[in-house]
PDB file of N, CA and C in Angstrom:
ATOM      1  N   MET A   1      11.294  42.763  34.429  1.00  0.00           N
ATOM      2  CA  MET A   1      10.827  44.116  34.609  1.00  0.00           C
ATOM      3  C   MET A   1       9.857  44.451  33.479  1.00  0.00           C
ATOM      4  N   GLY A   2       8.697  44.979  33.820  1.00  0.00           N
ATOM      5  CA  GLY A   2       7.692  45.311  32.827  1.00  0.00           C
ATOM      6  C   GLY A   2       7.887  46.691  32.234  1.00  0.00           C
ATOM      7  N   VAL A   3       7.000  47.003  31.338  1.00  0.00           N
ATOM      8  CA  VAL A   3       7.032  48.310  30.694  1.00  0.00           C
ATOM      9  C   VAL A   3       6.130  49.261  31.474  1.00  0.00           C
ATOM     10  N   ASN A   4       6.558  50.511  31.598  1.00  0.00           N
ATOM     11  CA  ASN A   4       5.764  51.537  32.256  1.00  0.00           C
ATOM     12  C   ASN A   4       5.470  52.622  31.224  1.00  0.00           C
ATOM     13  N   ILE A   5       4.198  52.855  30.951  1.00  0.00           N
ATOM     14  CA  ILE A   5       3.806  53.847  29.954  1.00  0.00           C
ATOM     15  C   ILE A   5       2.990  54.936  30.630  1.00  0.00           C
ATOM     16  N   THR A   6       3.411  56.173  30.423  1.00  0.00           N
ATOM     17  CA  THR A   6       2.731  57.326  30.998  1.00  0.00           C
ATOM     18  C   THR A   6       2.247  58.223  29.871  1.00  0.00           C
ATOM     19  N   LYS A   7       0.982  58.609  29.924  1.00  0.00           N
ATOM     20  CA  LYS A   7       0.442  59.540  28.932  1.00  0.00           C
ATOM     21  C   LYS A   7       0.813  60.955  29.363  1.00  0.00           C
ATOM     22  N   MET A   8       1.409  61.701  28.455  1.00  0.00           N
ATOM     23  CA  MET A   8       1.880  63.053  28.742  1.00  0.00           C
ATOM     24  C   MET A   8       1.136  64.037  27.837  1.00  0.00           C
ATOM     25  N   GLU A   9       1.211  65.316  28.188  1.00  0.00           N
ATOM     26  CA  GLU A   9       0.580  66.347  27.377  1.00  0.00           C
ATOM     27  C   GLU A   9       1.548  67.493  27.153  1.00  0.00           C
ATOM     28  N   ASP A  10       1.480  68.096  25.967  1.00  0.00           N
ATOM     29  CA  ASP A  10       2.174  69.357  25.734  1.00  0.00           C
ATOM     30  C   ASP A  10       1.253  70.247  24.908  1.00  0.00           C
ATOM     31  N   ILE A  11       1.742  71.376  24.446  1.00  0.00           N
ATOM     32  CA  ILE A  11       0.858  72.326  23.770  1.00  0.00           C
ATOM     33  C   ILE A  11       0.323  71.803  22.443  1.00  0.00           C
ATOM     34  N   HIS A  12       0.969  70.805  21.861  1.00  0.00           N
ATOM     35  CA  HIS A  12       0.525  70.267  20.579  1.00  0.00           C
ATOM     36  C   HIS A  12      -0.373  69.049  20.726  1.00  0.00           C
ATOM     37  N   GLY A  13      -0.435  68.447  21.901  1.00  0.00           N
ATOM     38  CA  GLY A  13      -1.275  67.273  22.086  1.00  0.00           C
ATOM     39  C   GLY A  13      -0.626  66.263  23.006  1.00  0.00           C
ATOM     40  N   ASP A  14      -1.125  65.049  22.954  1.00  0.00           N
ATOM     41  CA  ASP A  14      -0.667  63.997  23.847  1.00  0.00           C
ATOM     42  C   ASP A  14       0.455  63.177  23.223  1.00  0.00           C
ATOM     43  N   TYR A  15       1.254  62.584  24.077  1.00  0.00           N
ATOM     44  CA  TYR A  15       2.251  61.610  23.651  1.00  0.00           C
ATOM     45  C   TYR A  15       2.448  60.644  24.804  1.00  0.00           C
ATOM     46  N   ILE A  16       3.215  59.599  24.589  1.00  0.00           N
ATOM     47  CA  ILE A  16       3.480  58.650  25.665  1.00  0.00           C
ATOM     48  C   ILE A  16       4.968  58.588  25.946  1.00  0.00           C
ATOM     49  N   GLU A  17       5.266  58.409  27.218  1.00  0.00           N
ATOM     50  CA  GLU A  17       6.640  58.179  27.643  1.00  0.00           C
ATOM     51  C   GLU A  17       6.714  56.715  28.047  1.00  0.00           C
ATOM     52  N   ILE A  18       7.607  55.976  27.402  1.00  0.00           N
ATOM     53  CA  ILE A  18       7.729  54.539  27.621  1.00  0.00           C
ATOM     54  C   ILE A  18       9.035  54.272  28.354  1.00  0.00           C
ATOM     55  N   GLU A  19       8.937  53.655  29.530  1.00  0.00           N
ATOM     56  CA  GLU A  19      10.123  53.271  30.289  1.00  0.00           C
ATOM     57  C   GLU A  19      10.207  51.752  30.290  1.00  0.00           C
ATOM     58  N   TYR A  20      11.392  51.237  29.932  1.00  0.00           N
ATOM     59  CA  TYR A  20      11.575  49.795  29.854  1.00  0.00           C
ATOM     60  C   TYR A  20      13.037  49.473  30.121  1.00  0.00           C
ATOM     61  N   LYS A  21      13.278  48.662  31.133  1.00  0.00           N
ATOM     62  CA  LYS A  21      14.631  48.222  31.489  1.00  0.00           C
ATOM     63  C   LYS A  21      15.610  49.395  31.603  1.00  0.00           C
ATOM     64  N   GLY A  22      15.176  50.446  32.269  1.00  0.00           N
ATOM     65  CA  GLY A  22      16.045  51.598  32.515  1.00  0.00           C
ATOM     66  C   GLY A  22      16.195  52.561  31.355  1.00  0.00           C
ATOM     67  N   GLN A  23      15.519  52.304  30.245  1.00  0.00           N
ATOM     68  CA  GLN A  23      15.578  53.198  29.088  1.00  0.00           C
ATOM     69  C   GLN A  23      14.236  53.902  28.919  1.00  0.00           C
ATOM     70  N   THR A  24      14.271  55.073  28.298  1.00  0.00           N
ATOM     71  CA  THR A  24      13.051  55.842  28.068  1.00  0.00           C
ATOM     72  C   THR A  24      12.965  56.270  26.611  1.00  0.00           C
ATOM     73  N   MET A  25      11.768  56.148  26.039  1.00  0.00           N
ATOM     74  CA  MET A  25      11.466  56.663  24.700  1.00  0.00           C
ATOM     75  C   MET A  25      10.177  57.454  24.795  1.00  0.00           C
ATOM     76  N   ARG A  26      10.036  58.410  23.911  1.00  0.00           N
ATOM     77  CA  ARG A  26       8.793  59.171  23.828  1.00  0.00           C
ATOM     78  C   ARG A  26       8.245  59.047  22.411  1.00  0.00           C
ATOM     79  N   PHE A  27       6.957  58.730  22.314  1.00  0.00           N
ATOM     80  CA  PHE A  27       6.286  58.645  21.027  1.00  0.00           C
ATOM     81  C   PHE A  27       5.000  59.438  21.091  1.00  0.00           C
ATOM     82  N   GLY A  28       4.676  60.055  19.999  1.00  0.00           N
ATOM     83  CA  GLY A  28       3.439  60.818  19.908  1.00  0.00           C
ATOM     84  C   GLY A  28       3.342  61.433  18.542  1.00  0.00           C
ATOM     85  N   TYR A  29       2.828  62.628  18.491  1.00  0.00           N
ATOM     86  CA  TYR A  29       2.732  63.292  17.200  1.00  0.00           C
ATOM     87  C   TYR A  29       3.204  64.720  17.328  1.00  0.00           C
ATOM     88  N   GLU A  30       3.622  65.279  16.218  1.00  0.00           N
ATOM     89  CA  GLU A  30       4.187  66.615  16.189  1.00  0.00           C
ATOM     90  C   GLU A  30       3.356  67.488  15.260  1.00  0.00           C
ATOM     91  N   ILE A  31       3.658  68.776  15.247  1.00  0.00           N
ATOM     92  CA  ILE A  31       2.990  69.645  14.288  1.00  0.00           C
ATOM     93  C   ILE A  31       3.418  69.241  12.885  1.00  0.00           C
ATOM     94  N   ALA A  32       2.622  69.572  11.907  1.00  0.00           N
ATOM     95  CA  ALA A  32       2.937  69.213  10.526  1.00  0.00           C
ATOM     96  C   ALA A  32       4.242  69.870  10.103  1.00  0.00           C
ATOM     97  N   GLU A  33       4.876  69.316   9.093  1.00  0.00           N
ATOM     98  CA  GLU A  33       6.174  69.817   8.647  1.00  0.00           C
ATOM     99  C   GLU A  33       6.135  71.268   8.203  1.00  0.00           C
ATOM    100  N   ASP A  34       4.994  71.716   7.697  1.00  0.00           N
ATOM    101  CA  ASP A  34       4.897  73.104   7.245  1.00  0.00           C
ATOM    102  C   ASP A  34       4.608  74.066   8.392  1.00  0.00           C
ATOM    103  N   GLY A  35       4.574  73.546   9.618  1.00  0.00           N
ATOM    104  CA  GLY A  35       4.360  74.381  10.791  1.00  0.00           C
ATOM    105  C   GLY A  35       2.907  74.532  11.192  1.00  0.00           C
ATOM    106  N   GLU A  36       2.004  73.992  10.398  1.00  0.00           N
ATOM    107  CA  GLU A  36       0.585  74.089  10.726  1.00  0.00           C
ATOM    108  C   GLU A  36       0.206  72.986  11.714  1.00  0.00           C
ATOM    109  N   ILE A  37      -0.733  73.289  12.573  1.00  0.00           N
ATOM    110  CA  ILE A  37      -1.237  72.272  13.494  1.00  0.00           C
ATOM    111  C   ILE A  37      -2.061  71.271  12.684  1.00  0.00           C
ATOM    112  N   MET A  38      -1.965  70.002  13.039  1.00  0.00           N
ATOM    113  CA  MET A  38      -2.688  68.973  12.302  1.00  0.00           C
ATOM    114  C   MET A  38      -4.193  69.112  12.503  1.00  0.00           C
ATOM    115  N   SER A  39      -4.943  68.573  11.580  1.00  0.00           N
ATOM    116  CA  SER A  39      -6.398  68.637  11.643  1.00  0.00           C
ATOM    117  C   SER A  39      -6.909  67.845  12.844  1.00  0.00           C
ATOM    118  N   ASP A  40      -8.133  68.157  13.243  1.00  0.00           N
ATOM    119  CA  ASP A  40      -8.749  67.448  14.368  1.00  0.00           C
ATOM    120  C   ASP A  40      -8.824  65.952  14.103  1.00  0.00           C
ATOM    121  N   ARG A  41      -9.051  65.559  12.850  1.00  0.00           N
ATOM    122  CA  ARG A  41      -9.130  64.133  12.511  1.00  0.00           C
ATOM    123  C   ARG A  41      -7.807  63.436  12.789  1.00  0.00           C
ATOM    124  N   VAL A  42      -6.711  64.080  12.409  1.00  0.00           N
ATOM    125  CA  VAL A  42      -5.389  63.490  12.617  1.00  0.00           C
ATOM    126  C   VAL A  42      -5.058  63.451  14.100  1.00  0.00           C
ATOM    127  N   VAL A  43      -5.381  64.513  14.824  1.00  0.00           N
ATOM    128  CA  VAL A  43      -5.146  64.549  16.267  1.00  0.00           C
ATOM    129  C   VAL A  43      -5.920  63.427  16.950  1.00  0.00           C
ATOM    130  N   ALA A  44      -7.171  63.242  16.571  1.00  0.00           N
ATOM    131  CA  ALA A  44      -7.984  62.173  17.157  1.00  0.00           C
ATOM    132  C   ALA A  44      -7.393  60.804  16.837  1.00  0.00           C
ATOM    133  N   ALA A  45      -6.887  60.624  15.619  1.00  0.00           N
ATOM    134  CA  ALA A  45      -6.269  59.352  15.237  1.00  0.00           C
ATOM    135  C   ALA A  45      -5.043  59.071  16.092  1.00  0.00           C
ATOM    136  N   ASN A  46      -4.232  60.087  16.325  1.00  0.00           N
ATOM    137  CA  ASN A  46      -3.043  59.906  17.147  1.00  0.00           C
ATOM    138  C   ASN A  46      -3.393  59.593  18.592  1.00  0.00           C
ATOM    139  N   GLU A  47      -4.390  60.276  19.124  1.00  0.00           N
ATOM    140  CA  GLU A  47      -4.795  59.997  20.498  1.00  0.00           C
ATOM    141  C   GLU A  47      -5.305  58.570  20.623  1.00  0.00           C
ATOM    142  N   HIS A  48      -6.011  58.086  19.608  1.00  0.00           N
ATOM    143  CA  HIS A  48      -6.488  56.709  19.608  1.00  0.00           C
ATOM    144  C   HIS A  48      -5.311  55.729  19.558  1.00  0.00           C
ATOM    145  N   ALA A  49      -4.297  56.031  18.752  1.00  0.00           N
ATOM    146  CA  ALA A  49      -3.107  55.180  18.678  1.00  0.00           C
ATOM    147  C   ALA A  49      -2.411  55.116  20.027  1.00  0.00           C
ATOM    148  N   ILE A  50      -2.281  56.255  20.689  1.00  0.00           N
ATOM    149  CA  ILE A  50      -1.657  56.302  22.010  1.00  0.00           C
ATOM    150  C   ILE A  50      -2.434  55.433  22.989  1.00  0.00           C
ATOM    151  N   ASP A  51      -3.759  55.558  22.987  1.00  0.00           N
ATOM    152  CA  ASP A  51      -4.586  54.752  23.883  1.00  0.00           C
ATOM    153  C   ASP A  51      -4.437  53.259  23.592  1.00  0.00           C
ATOM    154  N   LEU A  52      -4.328  52.883  22.315  1.00  0.00           N
ATOM    155  CA  LEU A  52      -4.137  51.469  21.968  1.00  0.00           C
ATOM    156  C   LEU A  52      -2.814  50.930  22.506  1.00  0.00           C
ATOM    157  N   VAL A  53      -1.757  51.719  22.441  1.00  0.00           N
ATOM    158  CA  VAL A  53      -0.469  51.283  22.984  1.00  0.00           C
ATOM    159  C   VAL A  53      -0.599  51.060  24.488  1.00  0.00           C
ATOM    160  N   ILE A  54      -1.223  52.012  25.182  1.00  0.00           N
ATOM    161  CA  ILE A  54      -1.368  51.921  26.639  1.00  0.00           C
ATOM    162  C   ILE A  54      -2.187  50.695  27.035  1.00  0.00           C
ATOM    163  N   LYS A  55      -3.250  50.401  26.298  1.00  0.00           N
ATOM    164  CA  LYS A  55      -4.147  49.297  26.646  1.00  0.00           C
ATOM    165  C   LYS A  55      -3.617  47.932  26.215  1.00  0.00           C
ATOM    166  N   ASN A  56      -2.621  47.905  25.340  1.00  0.00           N
ATOM    167  CA  ASN A  56      -2.132  46.636  24.782  1.00  0.00           C
ATOM    168  C   ASN A  56      -0.624  46.478  24.938  1.00  0.00           C
ATOM    169  N   THR A  57      -0.089  46.855  26.084  1.00  0.00           N
ATOM    170  CA  THR A  57       1.369  46.814  26.273  1.00  0.00           C
ATOM    171  C   THR A  57       1.948  45.421  26.053  1.00  0.00           C
ATOM    172  N   ASP A  58       1.172  44.390  26.349  1.00  0.00           N
ATOM    173  CA  ASP A  58       1.667  43.022  26.198  1.00  0.00           C
ATOM    174  C   ASP A  58       1.786  42.589  24.736  1.00  0.00           C
ATOM    175  N   LYS A  59       1.227  43.330  23.811  1.00  0.00           N
ATOM    176  CA  LYS A  59       1.262  42.980  22.388  1.00  0.00           C
ATOM    177  C   LYS A  59       2.503  43.513  21.671  1.00  0.00           C
ATOM    178  N   PHE A  60       3.266  44.378  22.327  1.00  0.00           N
ATOM    179  CA  PHE A  60       4.409  45.028  21.688  1.00  0.00           C
ATOM    180  C   PHE A  60       5.721  44.340  22.062  1.00  0.00           C
ATOM    181  N   ASP A  61       6.630  44.278  21.110  1.00  0.00           N
ATOM    182  CA  ASP A  61       7.962  43.702  21.308  1.00  0.00           C
ATOM    183  C   ASP A  61       8.884  44.802  21.842  1.00  0.00           C
ATOM    184  N   TRP A  62       8.827  45.045  23.147  1.00  0.00           N
ATOM    185  CA  TRP A  62       9.578  46.161  23.733  1.00  0.00           C
ATOM    186  C   TRP A  62      11.077  45.959  23.615  1.00  0.00           C
ATOM    187  N   ASP A  63      11.555  44.708  23.725  1.00  0.00           N
ATOM    188  CA  ASP A  63      12.991  44.467  23.534  1.00  0.00           C
ATOM    189  C   ASP A  63      13.410  44.891  22.128  1.00  0.00           C
ATOM    190  N   GLY A  64      12.617  44.516  21.136  1.00  0.00           N
ATOM    191  CA  GLY A  64      12.920  44.889  19.759  1.00  0.00           C
ATOM    192  C   GLY A  64      12.824  46.385  19.523  1.00  0.00           C
ATOM    193  N   ILE A  65      11.804  47.011  20.087  1.00  0.00           N
ATOM    194  CA  ILE A  65      11.609  48.453  19.916  1.00  0.00           C
ATOM    195  C   ILE A  65      12.765  49.225  20.521  1.00  0.00           C
ATOM    196  N   PHE A  66      13.177  48.852  21.727  1.00  0.00           N
ATOM    197  CA  PHE A  66      14.257  49.584  22.390  1.00  0.00           C
ATOM    198  C   PHE A  66      15.631  49.248  21.817  1.00  0.00           C
ATOM    199  N   ALA A  67      15.736  48.145  21.069  1.00  0.00           N
ATOM    200  CA  ALA A  67      17.004  47.818  20.412  1.00  0.00           C
ATOM    201  C   ALA A  67      17.189  48.634  19.130  1.00  0.00           C
ATOM    202  N   MET A  68      16.094  49.183  18.626  1.00  0.00           N
ATOM    203  CA  MET A  68      16.140  49.970  17.390  1.00  0.00           C
ATOM    204  C   MET A  68      16.184  51.450  17.730  1.00  0.00           C
ATOM    205  N   HIS A  69      16.394  52.261  16.708  1.00  0.00           N
ATOM    206  CA  HIS A  69      16.446  53.703  16.917  1.00  0.00           C
ATOM    207  C   HIS A  69      15.568  54.408  15.899  1.00  0.00           C
ATOM    208  N   GLY A  70      15.031  55.529  16.283  1.00  0.00           N
ATOM    209  CA  GLY A  70      14.301  56.407  15.371  1.00  0.00           C
ATOM    210  C   GLY A  70      13.206  55.733  14.584  1.00  0.00           C
ATOM    211  N   HIS A  71      13.300  55.849  13.258  1.00  0.00           N
ATOM    212  CA  HIS A  71      12.232  55.382  12.383  1.00  0.00           C
ATOM    213  C   HIS A  71      12.042  53.871  12.424  1.00  0.00           C
ATOM    214  N   GLU A  72      13.084  53.114  12.695  1.00  0.00           N
ATOM    215  CA  GLU A  72      12.932  51.658  12.769  1.00  0.00           C
ATOM    216  C   GLU A  72      12.065  51.277  13.968  1.00  0.00           C
ATOM    217  N   ALA A  73      12.258  51.939  15.089  1.00  0.00           N
ATOM    218  CA  ALA A  73      11.419  51.685  16.266  1.00  0.00           C
ATOM    219  C   ALA A  73       9.980  52.098  15.986  1.00  0.00           C
ATOM    220  N   ILE A  74       9.811  53.234  15.311  1.00  0.00           N
ATOM    221  CA  ILE A  74       8.476  53.707  14.953  1.00  0.00           C
ATOM    222  C   ILE A  74       7.778  52.683  14.060  1.00  0.00           C
ATOM    223  N   LYS A  75       8.504  52.137  13.086  1.00  0.00           N
ATOM    224  CA  LYS A  75       7.917  51.153  12.173  1.00  0.00           C
ATOM    225  C   LYS A  75       7.425  49.926  12.930  1.00  0.00           C
ATOM    226  N   LEU A  76       8.172  49.489  13.931  1.00  0.00           N
ATOM    227  CA  LEU A  76       7.765  48.321  14.708  1.00  0.00           C
ATOM    228  C   LEU A  76       6.506  48.623  15.525  1.00  0.00           C
ATOM    229  N   ILE A  77       6.427  49.814  16.094  1.00  0.00           N
ATOM    230  CA  ILE A  77       5.213  50.212  16.820  1.00  0.00           C
ATOM    231  C   ILE A  77       4.040  50.306  15.846  1.00  0.00           C
ATOM    232  N   GLU A  78       4.254  50.930  14.689  1.00  0.00           N
ATOM    233  CA  GLU A  78       3.192  51.057  13.689  1.00  0.00           C
ATOM    234  C   GLU A  78       2.710  49.691  13.212  1.00  0.00           C
ATOM    235  N   GLN A  79       3.637  48.759  13.011  1.00  0.00           N
ATOM    236  CA  GLN A  79       3.269  47.411  12.573  1.00  0.00           C
ATOM    237  C   GLN A  79       2.353  46.753  13.599  1.00  0.00           C
ATOM    238  N   THR A  80       2.688  46.879  14.872  1.00  0.00           N
ATOM    239  CA  THR A  80       1.856  46.280  15.917  1.00  0.00           C
ATOM    240  C   THR A  80       0.502  46.962  15.984  1.00  0.00           C
ATOM    241  N   LEU A  81       0.469  48.290  15.830  1.00  0.00           N
ATOM    242  CA  LEU A  81      -0.808  49.004  15.812  1.00  0.00           C
ATOM    243  C   LEU A  81      -1.683  48.519  14.657  1.00  0.00           C
ATOM    244  N   LYS A  82      -1.084  48.280  13.496  1.00  0.00           N
ATOM    245  CA  LYS A  82      -1.844  47.763  12.352  1.00  0.00           C
ATOM    246  C   LYS A  82      -2.409  46.385  12.670  1.00  0.00           C
ATOM    247  N   GLU A  83      -1.612  45.546  13.339  1.00  0.00           N
ATOM    248  CA  GLU A  83      -2.079  44.212  13.720  1.00  0.00           C
ATOM    249  C   GLU A  83      -3.242  44.295  14.704  1.00  0.00           C
ATOM    250  N   LEU A  84      -3.300  45.376  15.474  1.00  0.00           N
ATOM    251  CA  LEU A  84      -4.399  45.592  16.419  1.00  0.00           C
ATOM    252  C   LEU A  84      -5.611  46.232  15.741  1.00  0.00           C
ATOM    253  N   GLY A  85      -5.518  46.474  14.427  1.00  0.00           N
ATOM    254  CA  GLY A  85      -6.639  47.011  13.677  1.00  0.00           C
ATOM    255  C   GLY A  85      -6.622  48.510  13.477  1.00  0.00           C
ATOM    256  N   PHE A  86      -5.528  49.170  13.818  1.00  0.00           N
ATOM    257  CA  PHE A  86      -5.439  50.617  13.665  1.00  0.00           C
ATOM    258  C   PHE A  86      -4.888  50.937  12.286  1.00  0.00           C
ATOM    259  N   SER A  87      -5.549  51.836  11.558  1.00  0.00           N
ATOM    260  CA  SER A  87      -5.151  52.074  10.170  1.00  0.00           C
ATOM    261  C   SER A  87      -4.388  53.370   9.930  1.00  0.00           C
ATOM    262  N   GLU A  88      -4.500  54.368  10.786  1.00  0.00           N
ATOM    263  CA  GLU A  88      -3.888  55.669  10.506  1.00  0.00           C
ATOM    264  C   GLU A  88      -2.571  55.854  11.237  1.00  0.00           C
ATOM    265  N   VAL A  89      -1.715  54.853  11.199  1.00  0.00           N
ATOM    266  CA  VAL A  89      -0.471  54.929  11.947  1.00  0.00           C
ATOM    267  C   VAL A  89       0.570  55.839  11.325  1.00  0.00           C
ATOM    268  N   CYS A  90       0.349  56.297  10.099  1.00  0.00           N
ATOM    269  CA  CYS A  90       1.353  57.143   9.455  1.00  0.00           C
ATOM    270  C   CYS A  90       1.540  58.469  10.186  1.00  0.00           C
ATOM    271  N   PHE A  91       0.634  58.819  11.064  1.00  0.00           N
ATOM    272  CA  PHE A  91       0.743  60.071  11.796  1.00  0.00           C
ATOM    273  C   PHE A  91       1.357  59.881  13.179  1.00  0.00           C
ATOM    274  N   PHE A  92       1.735  58.660  13.508  1.00  0.00           N
ATOM    275  CA  PHE A  92       2.258  58.362  14.839  1.00  0.00           C
ATOM    276  C   PHE A  92       3.771  58.404  14.758  1.00  0.00           C
ATOM    277  N   THR A  93       4.386  59.496  15.204  1.00  0.00           N
ATOM    278  CA  THR A  93       5.811  59.719  14.995  1.00  0.00           C
ATOM    279  C   THR A  93       6.531  60.002  16.299  1.00  0.00           C
ATOM    280  N   LYS A  94       7.839  59.866  16.257  1.00  0.00           N
ATOM    281  CA  LYS A  94       8.644  60.080  17.458  1.00  0.00           C
ATOM    282  C   LYS A  94       8.703  61.557  17.818  1.00  0.00           C
ATOM    283  N   LYS A  95       8.632  61.834  19.090  1.00  0.00           N
ATOM    284  CA  LYS A  95       8.757  63.211  19.585  1.00  0.00           C
ATOM    285  C   LYS A  95      10.209  63.576  19.661  1.00  0.00           C
TER     286      LYS A  95
END
């Protein structure tokens, strides 16, 4: 069974819903911790990260990602994004 990734939208921006082997995770970006909306540069970086995940599903270790929880899963996604040449992964966080 393959991975199914859907790009979603909410009032703060885009995120992805990842379905794999009957499990679902959501990754994207959130408002800054101080409650302020992130800058356009950060929003653009996150949207680019989301697009890279969608276009490169075969490059990600989905079994490993879904076996982990929270920040550990995020770290594995960020590591793969870095390997794909993406540098601003620190803003790519779990919804």
